[in-house]
Amino acid sequence: MRSLFYYTGRGWTGAARAFAVAARGLTERGETATVVCRADSSAEQGFAREELDVVTLPESDSVSRDAWLLRNVLKEKFVEVVFLHTEREQLTASSALRLAGRGAVVRRIGTGERVSAGRVARLAGRMATARLLFTTEMDRKRAGAGDDAFMAPLGVDVARFDDERAASRTTLGVEPGTQLMICVADRRAKPRITTALRTVALLAERHPGLRLALVGSGCDDDDTHMHAAALGVTQLVRFLGERDDLGAVLCAADVGWVAADGDDGAFACLDFMAAAVPVIAERSPYLAHYVPDGIAGVLLPPADPSDTAATVASFLADNNQRAAMGNAGRSRVAREFTETTMVDGFAAAASAAGDRALWTVR
């Protein structure tokens, strides 16, 4: 099967990472997988690091121009199935498939996302057969998609995290005796970033070795710096921003705080757990899907920062509990959230969508 992963975002996000894992996994199984992304973007750099077959297209506001350029790639690579995420990507790819006279679309729905089926998606559906791909059974049931939709749960390779902790702490310059809490966030998580900062401010006096590192989009902007300064914790916080070595960074943590949503938040949970790092996060159905409360970490109810601080203080004080939770999390990921299962889902979707008998008649 010849698959193409069409990604138009510029950042290296959880969605991009999911496509990279799938494309690499399919390639390792002898399938043909190509990634099409924006030129000169963080996404292009991320896909290139995975040593994938990458084709770049220039930035454009025109669906018709994008479709024509993509059509050339489809014909050159003999693509049969296109994986994508957004309605606009679906319209562009469906137009390109119609121009190329071949293929079907599989639209991946990110963790916790709702399926939008507006005018653009309906128009695209008339040009090329489209199927949905979900990451959790919760999302598939909520969408009412039934068994006709595909499943590809997120997964990570725990072996990649072996023996990385010492090197990661050295790289980040973490001093001996430091309790490092790493918070993974994005621009949508400003209130949760604020909660993490206020928690550190409340705990700083009794936990002099506590430090917080903020990583992700929006973690190194002026607003975040100003808020830390107002709380008097600037010296206790590392503002790491977006990192292309996120997995290695997370290995350095004593405690992982997940403030991000969607695929970014889900991958952060899995990365921390794979590295045997216990997780703290605000309770939600999606994070609870990955992190069992009281077993691999602590899920906090939305609360006043002082209540959150009391819970976190108790958590920090019990080294044995944190170690047990870290080990439980690693075992859970190795058992239930493997890259192999994830790639199996993409492979099954590609095989089914590649059935020419089901392609839209043109």
Protein backbone atom coordinates (compact mmCIF):
# COMPACT_ATOMS: atom_id res chain seq x y z
CA MET A 1 0.00 0.00 0.00
CA ARG A 2 1.28 3.48 -0.91
CA SER A 3 0.27 6.07 1.70
CA LEU A 4 0.77 9.80 1.94
CA PHE A 5 0.61 11.84 5.17
CA TYR A 6 -0.55 15.38 4.43
CA TYR A 7 0.25 17.85 7.22
CA THR A 8 -0.05 21.62 6.72
CA GLY A 9 0.68 22.84 10.25
CA ARG A 10 4.03 24.51 10.76
CA GLY A 11 4.73 23.37 14.32
CA TRP A 12 6.01 20.04 15.58
CA THR A 13 2.84 19.02 17.40
CA GLY A 14 1.39 15.80 18.75
CA ALA A 15 -0.58 15.44 15.52
CA ALA A 16 2.62 15.72 13.46
CA ARG A 17 4.34 13.24 15.74
CA ALA A 18 1.49 10.74 15.30
CA PHE A 19 1.97 10.92 11.53
CA ALA A 20 5.74 10.54 11.89
CA VAL A 21 5.37 7.40 14.02
CA ALA A 22 2.87 5.93 11.58
CA ALA A 23 4.91 6.75 8.48
CA ARG A 24 8.10 5.35 10.02
CA GLY A 25 6.28 2.22 11.19
CA LEU A 26 4.73 1.54 7.78
CA THR A 27 8.08 2.09 6.07
CA GLU A 28 9.76 -0.38 8.41
CA ARG A 29 7.11 -2.94 7.40
CA GLY A 30 8.02 -2.56 3.74
CA GLU A 31 5.17 -0.22 2.80
CA THR A 32 5.66 3.05 0.93
CA ALA A 33 4.96 6.18 2.99
CA THR A 34 5.50 9.80 1.98
CA VAL A 35 5.01 12.94 4.09
CA VAL A 36 3.95 16.21 2.50
CA CYS A 37 4.37 19.30 4.69
CA ARG A 38 5.17 23.00 4.59
CA ALA A 39 8.66 24.03 3.58
CA ASP A 40 10.97 25.65 6.15
CA SER A 41 8.83 24.67 9.12
CA SER A 42 9.44 22.93 12.43
CA ALA A 43 7.24 20.13 11.12
CA GLU A 44 9.55 19.59 8.14
CA GLN A 45 12.54 19.39 10.49
CA GLY A 46 10.73 16.88 12.71
CA PHE A 47 9.77 14.61 9.82
CA ALA A 48 13.31 14.84 8.43
CA ARG A 49 14.75 13.74 11.80
CA GLU A 50 12.72 10.56 11.45
CA GLU A 51 14.46 9.99 8.07
CA LEU A 52 11.16 9.85 6.23
CA ASP A 53 10.46 10.50 2.56
CA VAL A 54 9.49 14.18 2.84
CA VAL A 55 8.10 16.40 0.08
CA THR A 56 7.63 20.09 0.90
CA LEU A 57 5.13 22.49 -0.59
CA PRO A 58 5.21 26.29 -0.30
CA GLU A 59 2.85 28.22 1.98
CA SER A 60 -0.39 29.02 0.15
CA ASP A 61 -3.87 30.43 0.82
CA SER A 62 -5.30 28.79 -2.28
CA VAL A 63 -6.94 25.37 -2.06
CA SER A 64 -6.90 24.99 -5.84
CA ARG A 65 -3.16 25.75 -6.05
CA ASP A 66 -2.38 23.39 -3.18
CA ALA A 67 -4.53 20.70 -4.80
CA TRP A 68 -2.70 21.00 -8.12
CA LEU A 69 0.71 20.76 -6.46
CA LEU A 70 -0.42 17.82 -4.34
CA ARG A 71 -1.87 16.11 -7.41
CA ASN A 72 1.62 16.03 -8.93
CA VAL A 73 2.98 14.29 -5.83
CA LEU A 74 0.10 11.78 -5.83
CA LYS A 75 0.77 10.82 -9.44
CA GLU A 76 4.55 10.66 -9.02
CA LYS A 77 4.32 8.47 -5.90
CA PHE A 78 1.32 6.40 -7.10
CA VAL A 79 -0.44 7.20 -3.80
CA GLU A 80 -3.56 5.24 -2.92
CA VAL A 81 -4.44 6.60 0.54
CA VAL A 82 -3.98 10.09 2.01
CA PHE A 83 -3.97 10.60 5.80
CA LEU A 84 -4.78 14.10 7.06
CA HIS A 85 -6.39 16.01 9.94
CA THR A 86 -8.38 19.13 8.99
CA GLU A 87 -11.36 19.92 6.80
CA ARG A 88 -9.23 22.18 4.62
CA GLU A 89 -6.66 19.44 4.18
CA GLN A 90 -9.49 17.07 3.28
CA LEU A 91 -10.81 19.44 0.62
CA THR A 92 -7.34 19.96 -0.83
CA ALA A 93 -6.46 16.25 -0.85
CA SER A 94 -9.85 15.21 -2.21
CA SER A 95 -9.51 17.71 -5.05
CA ALA A 96 -6.01 16.42 -5.77
CA LEU A 97 -7.18 12.80 -5.73
CA ARG A 98 -9.94 13.62 -8.17
CA LEU A 99 -7.45 15.34 -10.48
CA ALA A 100 -5.12 12.34 -10.17
CA GLY A 101 -7.98 9.90 -10.78
CA ARG A 102 -7.18 7.66 -7.82
CA GLY A 103 -7.22 7.16 -4.06
CA ALA A 104 -9.15 7.72 -0.85
CA VAL A 105 -8.84 9.88 2.26
CA VAL A 106 -8.49 8.88 5.92
CA ARG A 107 -9.10 11.81 8.25
CA ARG A 108 -7.49 11.38 11.66
CA ILE A 109 -9.39 12.86 14.61
CA GLY A 110 -6.96 13.92 17.34
CA THR A 111 -7.37 12.95 20.99
CA GLY A 112 -10.45 14.61 22.45
CA GLU A 113 -11.35 16.42 19.24
CA ARG A 114 -14.87 16.60 17.87
CA VAL A 115 -15.63 15.65 14.30
CA SER A 116 -16.59 18.69 12.26
CA ALA A 117 -18.63 17.90 9.18
CA GLY A 118 -19.39 21.28 7.66
CA ARG A 119 -19.90 22.36 4.09
CA VAL A 120 -16.20 21.95 3.28
CA ALA A 121 -16.13 18.33 4.47
CA ARG A 122 -19.34 17.49 2.61
CA LEU A 123 -17.96 18.97 -0.60
CA ALA A 124 -14.72 17.04 -0.16
CA GLY A 125 -16.68 13.83 0.46
CA ARG A 126 -18.27 14.11 -2.98
CA MET A 127 -14.85 14.18 -4.63
CA ALA A 128 -13.08 11.35 -2.80
CA THR A 129 -14.10 8.56 -0.43
CA ALA A 130 -13.32 9.53 3.16
CA ARG A 131 -13.11 7.46 6.36
CA LEU A 132 -12.40 8.52 9.93
CA LEU A 133 -9.55 7.38 12.19
CA PHE A 134 -9.85 7.83 15.98
CA THR A 135 -7.35 7.52 18.83
CA THR A 136 -9.77 6.48 21.59
CA GLU A 137 -12.99 4.51 21.76
CA MET A 138 -14.49 7.45 23.67
CA ASP A 139 -14.02 9.72 20.67
CA ARG A 140 -15.43 7.17 18.25
CA LYS A 141 -18.54 6.61 20.37
CA ARG A 142 -19.09 10.32 20.89
CA ALA A 143 -18.93 10.87 17.13
CA GLY A 144 -21.43 8.05 16.52
CA ALA A 145 -19.07 6.70 13.88
CA GLY A 146 -19.63 3.04 14.67
CA ASP A 147 -17.47 0.18 13.46
CA ASP A 148 -17.10 1.82 10.05
CA ALA A 149 -14.44 4.12 11.54
CA PHE A 150 -10.86 3.05 12.18
CA MET A 151 -8.90 3.04 15.45
CA ALA A 152 -5.20 3.84 15.96
CA PRO A 153 -4.50 4.50 19.67
CA LEU A 154 -1.44 6.59 20.47
CA GLY A 155 1.64 4.65 21.47
CA VAL A 156 5.29 5.16 22.38
CA ASP A 157 8.39 2.99 22.46
CA VAL A 158 9.48 2.67 26.10
CA ALA A 159 12.91 1.39 25.03
CA ARG A 160 13.73 4.87 23.73
CA PHE A 161 13.62 6.18 27.28
CA ASP A 162 16.04 3.68 28.80
CA ASP A 163 19.11 5.17 30.48
CA GLU A 164 18.32 8.73 29.33
CA ARG A 165 17.56 10.36 32.70
CA ALA A 166 21.15 11.10 33.78
CA ALA A 167 22.11 12.47 30.38
CA SER A 168 18.96 14.59 30.23
CA ARG A 169 19.54 16.19 33.62
CA THR A 170 23.13 16.95 32.67
CA THR A 171 22.02 18.53 29.38
CA LEU A 172 19.52 20.76 31.20
CA GLY A 173 22.04 21.64 33.90
CA VAL A 174 19.95 20.21 36.74
CA GLU A 175 21.92 20.42 39.98
CA PRO A 176 22.11 17.47 42.41
CA GLY A 177 19.36 17.56 45.01
CA THR A 178 16.94 19.41 42.75
CA GLN A 179 13.32 18.25 42.57
CA LEU A 180 12.48 19.07 38.97
CA MET A 181 8.85 19.37 37.94
CA ILE A 182 8.41 19.69 34.17
CA CYS A 183 5.13 21.13 32.89
CA VAL A 184 4.12 20.42 29.29
CA ALA A 185 1.70 23.04 27.99
CA ASP A 186 0.47 24.84 24.90
CA ARG A 187 -1.01 28.23 24.12
CA ARG A 188 -4.50 27.01 25.02
CA ALA A 189 -3.38 26.04 28.52
CA LYS A 190 -2.63 29.49 29.99
CA PRO A 191 -4.85 28.99 33.08
CA ARG A 192 -3.16 25.66 33.84
CA ILE A 193 0.30 27.20 33.39
CA THR A 194 -0.76 29.85 35.90
CA THR A 195 -1.82 27.14 38.35
CA ALA A 196 1.60 25.48 38.06
CA LEU A 197 3.39 28.79 38.68
CA ARG A 198 1.23 29.62 41.69
CA THR A 199 1.75 26.13 43.08
CA VAL A 200 5.53 26.58 42.93
CA ALA A 201 5.21 29.99 44.61
CA LEU A 202 3.23 28.45 47.48
CA LEU A 203 5.63 25.51 47.91
CA ALA A 204 8.96 27.29 47.42
CA GLU A 205 9.61 28.09 51.09
CA ARG A 206 9.11 24.53 52.35
CA HIS A 207 10.67 22.87 49.30
CA PRO A 208 13.85 24.88 48.57
CA GLY A 209 15.04 22.29 46.03
CA LEU A 210 11.89 22.50 43.92
CA ARG A 211 12.26 23.85 40.38
CA LEU A 212 9.76 24.11 37.52
CA ALA A 213 10.53 23.83 33.81
CA LEU A 214 7.88 24.95 31.33
CA VAL A 215 8.03 23.39 27.89
CA GLY A 216 5.77 23.79 24.86
CA SER A 217 4.23 26.58 22.82
CA GLY A 218 3.34 29.66 24.85
CA CYS A 219 5.72 28.73 27.68
CA ASP A 220 8.38 31.30 26.81
CA ASP A 221 6.27 34.34 25.91
CA ASP A 222 6.15 37.69 27.69
CA ASP A 223 2.89 36.98 29.54
CA THR A 224 4.31 33.84 31.16
CA HIS A 225 7.53 35.60 32.16
CA MET A 226 5.57 38.52 33.62
CA HIS A 227 3.33 36.22 35.63
CA ALA A 228 6.32 34.37 37.07
CA ALA A 229 7.93 37.70 37.98
CA ALA A 230 4.76 38.90 39.69
CA LEU A 231 4.74 35.73 41.80
CA GLY A 232 8.44 36.08 42.59
CA VAL A 233 9.42 32.69 41.17
CA THR A 234 11.40 33.67 38.09
CA GLN A 235 14.59 32.23 39.59
CA LEU A 236 12.84 28.91 40.20
CA VAL A 237 11.46 28.50 36.67
CA ARG A 238 13.10 27.43 33.41
CA PHE A 239 11.28 28.70 30.31
CA LEU A 240 12.20 26.09 27.69
CA GLY A 241 9.62 26.96 25.02
CA GLU A 242 9.15 24.56 22.11
CA ARG A 243 11.75 21.81 21.93
CA ASP A 244 12.61 19.35 19.18
CA ASP A 245 14.03 16.97 21.82
CA LEU A 246 10.94 16.88 24.02
CA GLY A 247 11.20 13.17 24.83
CA ALA A 248 14.73 13.60 26.15
CA VAL A 249 13.75 16.68 28.15
CA LEU A 250 10.88 14.91 29.90
CA CYS A 251 13.22 12.15 31.07
CA ALA A 252 14.90 14.69 33.37
CA ALA A 253 11.76 15.22 35.46
CA ASP A 254 11.08 13.97 38.96
CA VAL A 255 7.43 14.88 38.44
CA GLY A 256 5.58 15.48 35.17
CA TRP A 257 2.82 18.08 35.05
CA VAL A 258 0.58 17.84 31.97
CA ALA A 259 -1.25 21.06 31.13
CA ALA A 260 -1.59 20.55 27.37
CA ASP A 261 -4.73 19.24 25.66
CA GLY A 262 -5.33 16.91 22.73
CA ASP A 263 -2.54 14.87 21.17
CA ASP A 264 0.11 17.05 22.86
CA GLY A 265 -1.28 16.27 26.29
CA ALA A 266 -1.80 12.59 25.53
CA PHE A 267 1.75 12.14 24.23
CA ALA A 268 3.12 14.03 27.26
CA CYS A 269 1.35 11.58 29.58
CA LEU A 270 2.72 8.60 27.68
CA ASP A 271 6.25 10.03 27.49
CA PHE A 272 6.38 10.74 31.22
CA MET A 273 5.02 7.30 32.03
CA ALA A 274 7.42 5.58 29.62
CA ALA A 275 10.26 7.37 31.41
CA ALA A 276 8.89 6.13 34.79
CA VAL A 277 7.97 9.70 35.81
CA PRO A 278 4.75 10.06 37.85
CA VAL A 279 2.20 12.45 36.36
CA ILE A 280 0.19 15.34 37.77
CA ALA A 281 -2.66 16.76 35.69
CA GLU A 282 -6.04 18.39 36.01
CA ARG A 283 -8.67 15.69 35.81
CA SER A 284 -10.38 15.09 32.45
CA PRO A 285 -11.85 12.01 30.78
CA TYR A 286 -9.02 11.99 28.23
CA LEU A 287 -6.11 12.27 30.64
CA ALA A 288 -7.79 9.67 32.87
CA HIS A 289 -7.78 7.38 29.83
CA TYR A 290 -3.97 7.42 29.92
CA VAL A 291 -3.13 8.09 33.58
CA PRO A 292 -5.00 5.99 36.18
CA ASP A 293 -5.48 8.23 39.21
CA GLY A 294 -3.50 7.09 42.24
CA ILE A 295 -1.64 4.44 40.24
CA ALA A 296 0.52 6.24 37.65
CA GLY A 297 -0.01 9.74 39.00
CA VAL A 298 -2.42 12.17 40.59
CA LEU A 299 -5.36 13.76 38.76
CA LEU A 300 -6.36 17.05 40.35
CA PRO A 301 -9.88 18.48 40.37
CA PRO A 302 -10.13 22.08 39.16
CA ALA A 303 -9.43 23.88 42.41
CA ASP A 304 -7.93 26.83 44.18
CA PRO A 305 -4.11 26.89 43.81
CA SER A 306 -3.75 26.47 47.58
CA ASP A 307 -5.66 23.18 47.44
CA THR A 308 -3.57 22.09 44.48
CA ALA A 309 -0.39 23.05 46.32
CA ALA A 310 -1.38 20.95 49.35
CA THR A 311 -1.93 17.90 47.13
CA VAL A 312 1.32 18.44 45.26
CA ALA A 313 3.26 18.97 48.53
CA SER A 314 2.06 15.63 49.85
CA PHE A 315 3.00 14.03 46.54
CA LEU A 316 6.52 15.54 46.58
CA ALA A 317 7.13 14.40 50.15
CA ASP A 318 6.62 10.70 49.46
CA ASN A 319 9.55 9.45 47.38
CA ASN A 320 8.47 5.82 47.59
CA GLN A 321 4.99 6.61 46.31
CA ARG A 322 6.35 8.56 43.37
CA ALA A 323 8.76 5.75 42.47
CA ALA A 324 5.96 3.18 42.61
CA MET A 325 3.72 5.35 40.43
CA GLY A 326 6.53 5.89 37.93
CA ASN A 327 7.14 2.16 37.61
CA ALA A 328 3.41 1.46 37.31
CA GLY A 329 3.10 4.03 34.55
CA ARG A 330 6.00 2.56 32.59
CA SER A 331 4.51 -0.93 32.85
CA ARG A 332 1.13 0.39 31.68
CA VAL A 333 2.61 2.05 28.60
CA ALA A 334 4.68 -1.02 27.72
CA ARG A 335 1.55 -3.16 28.00
CA GLU A 336 -1.26 -0.99 26.59
CA PHE A 337 0.14 1.93 24.56
CA THR A 338 2.76 0.58 22.20
CA GLU A 339 3.90 2.01 18.89
CA THR A 340 3.25 -1.39 17.33
CA THR A 341 -0.47 -1.20 18.14
CA MET A 342 -0.60 2.35 16.83
CA VAL A 343 1.03 1.42 13.52
CA ASP A 344 -1.27 -1.61 13.26
CA GLY A 345 -4.22 0.80 13.34
CA PHE A 346 -2.81 2.98 10.57
CA ALA A 347 -1.93 -0.10 8.51
CA ALA A 348 -5.47 -1.48 8.82
CA ALA A 349 -6.93 1.89 7.83
CA ALA A 350 -4.63 2.16 4.81
CA SER A 351 -5.47 -1.37 3.68
CA ALA A 352 -9.23 -0.86 3.96
CA ALA A 353 -9.25 2.62 2.42
CA GLY A 354 -7.07 1.38 -0.42
CA ASP A 355 -9.81 -0.95 -1.63
CA ARG A 356 -10.48 0.44 -5.13
CA ALA A 357 -14.00 -0.96 -5.13
CA LEU A 358 -14.95 1.56 -2.41
CA TRP A 359 -13.42 4.66 -4.03
CA THR A 360 -15.83 7.37 -5.06
CA VAL A 361 -16.94 6.88 -8.66
CA ARG A 362 -15.86 9.85 -10.75
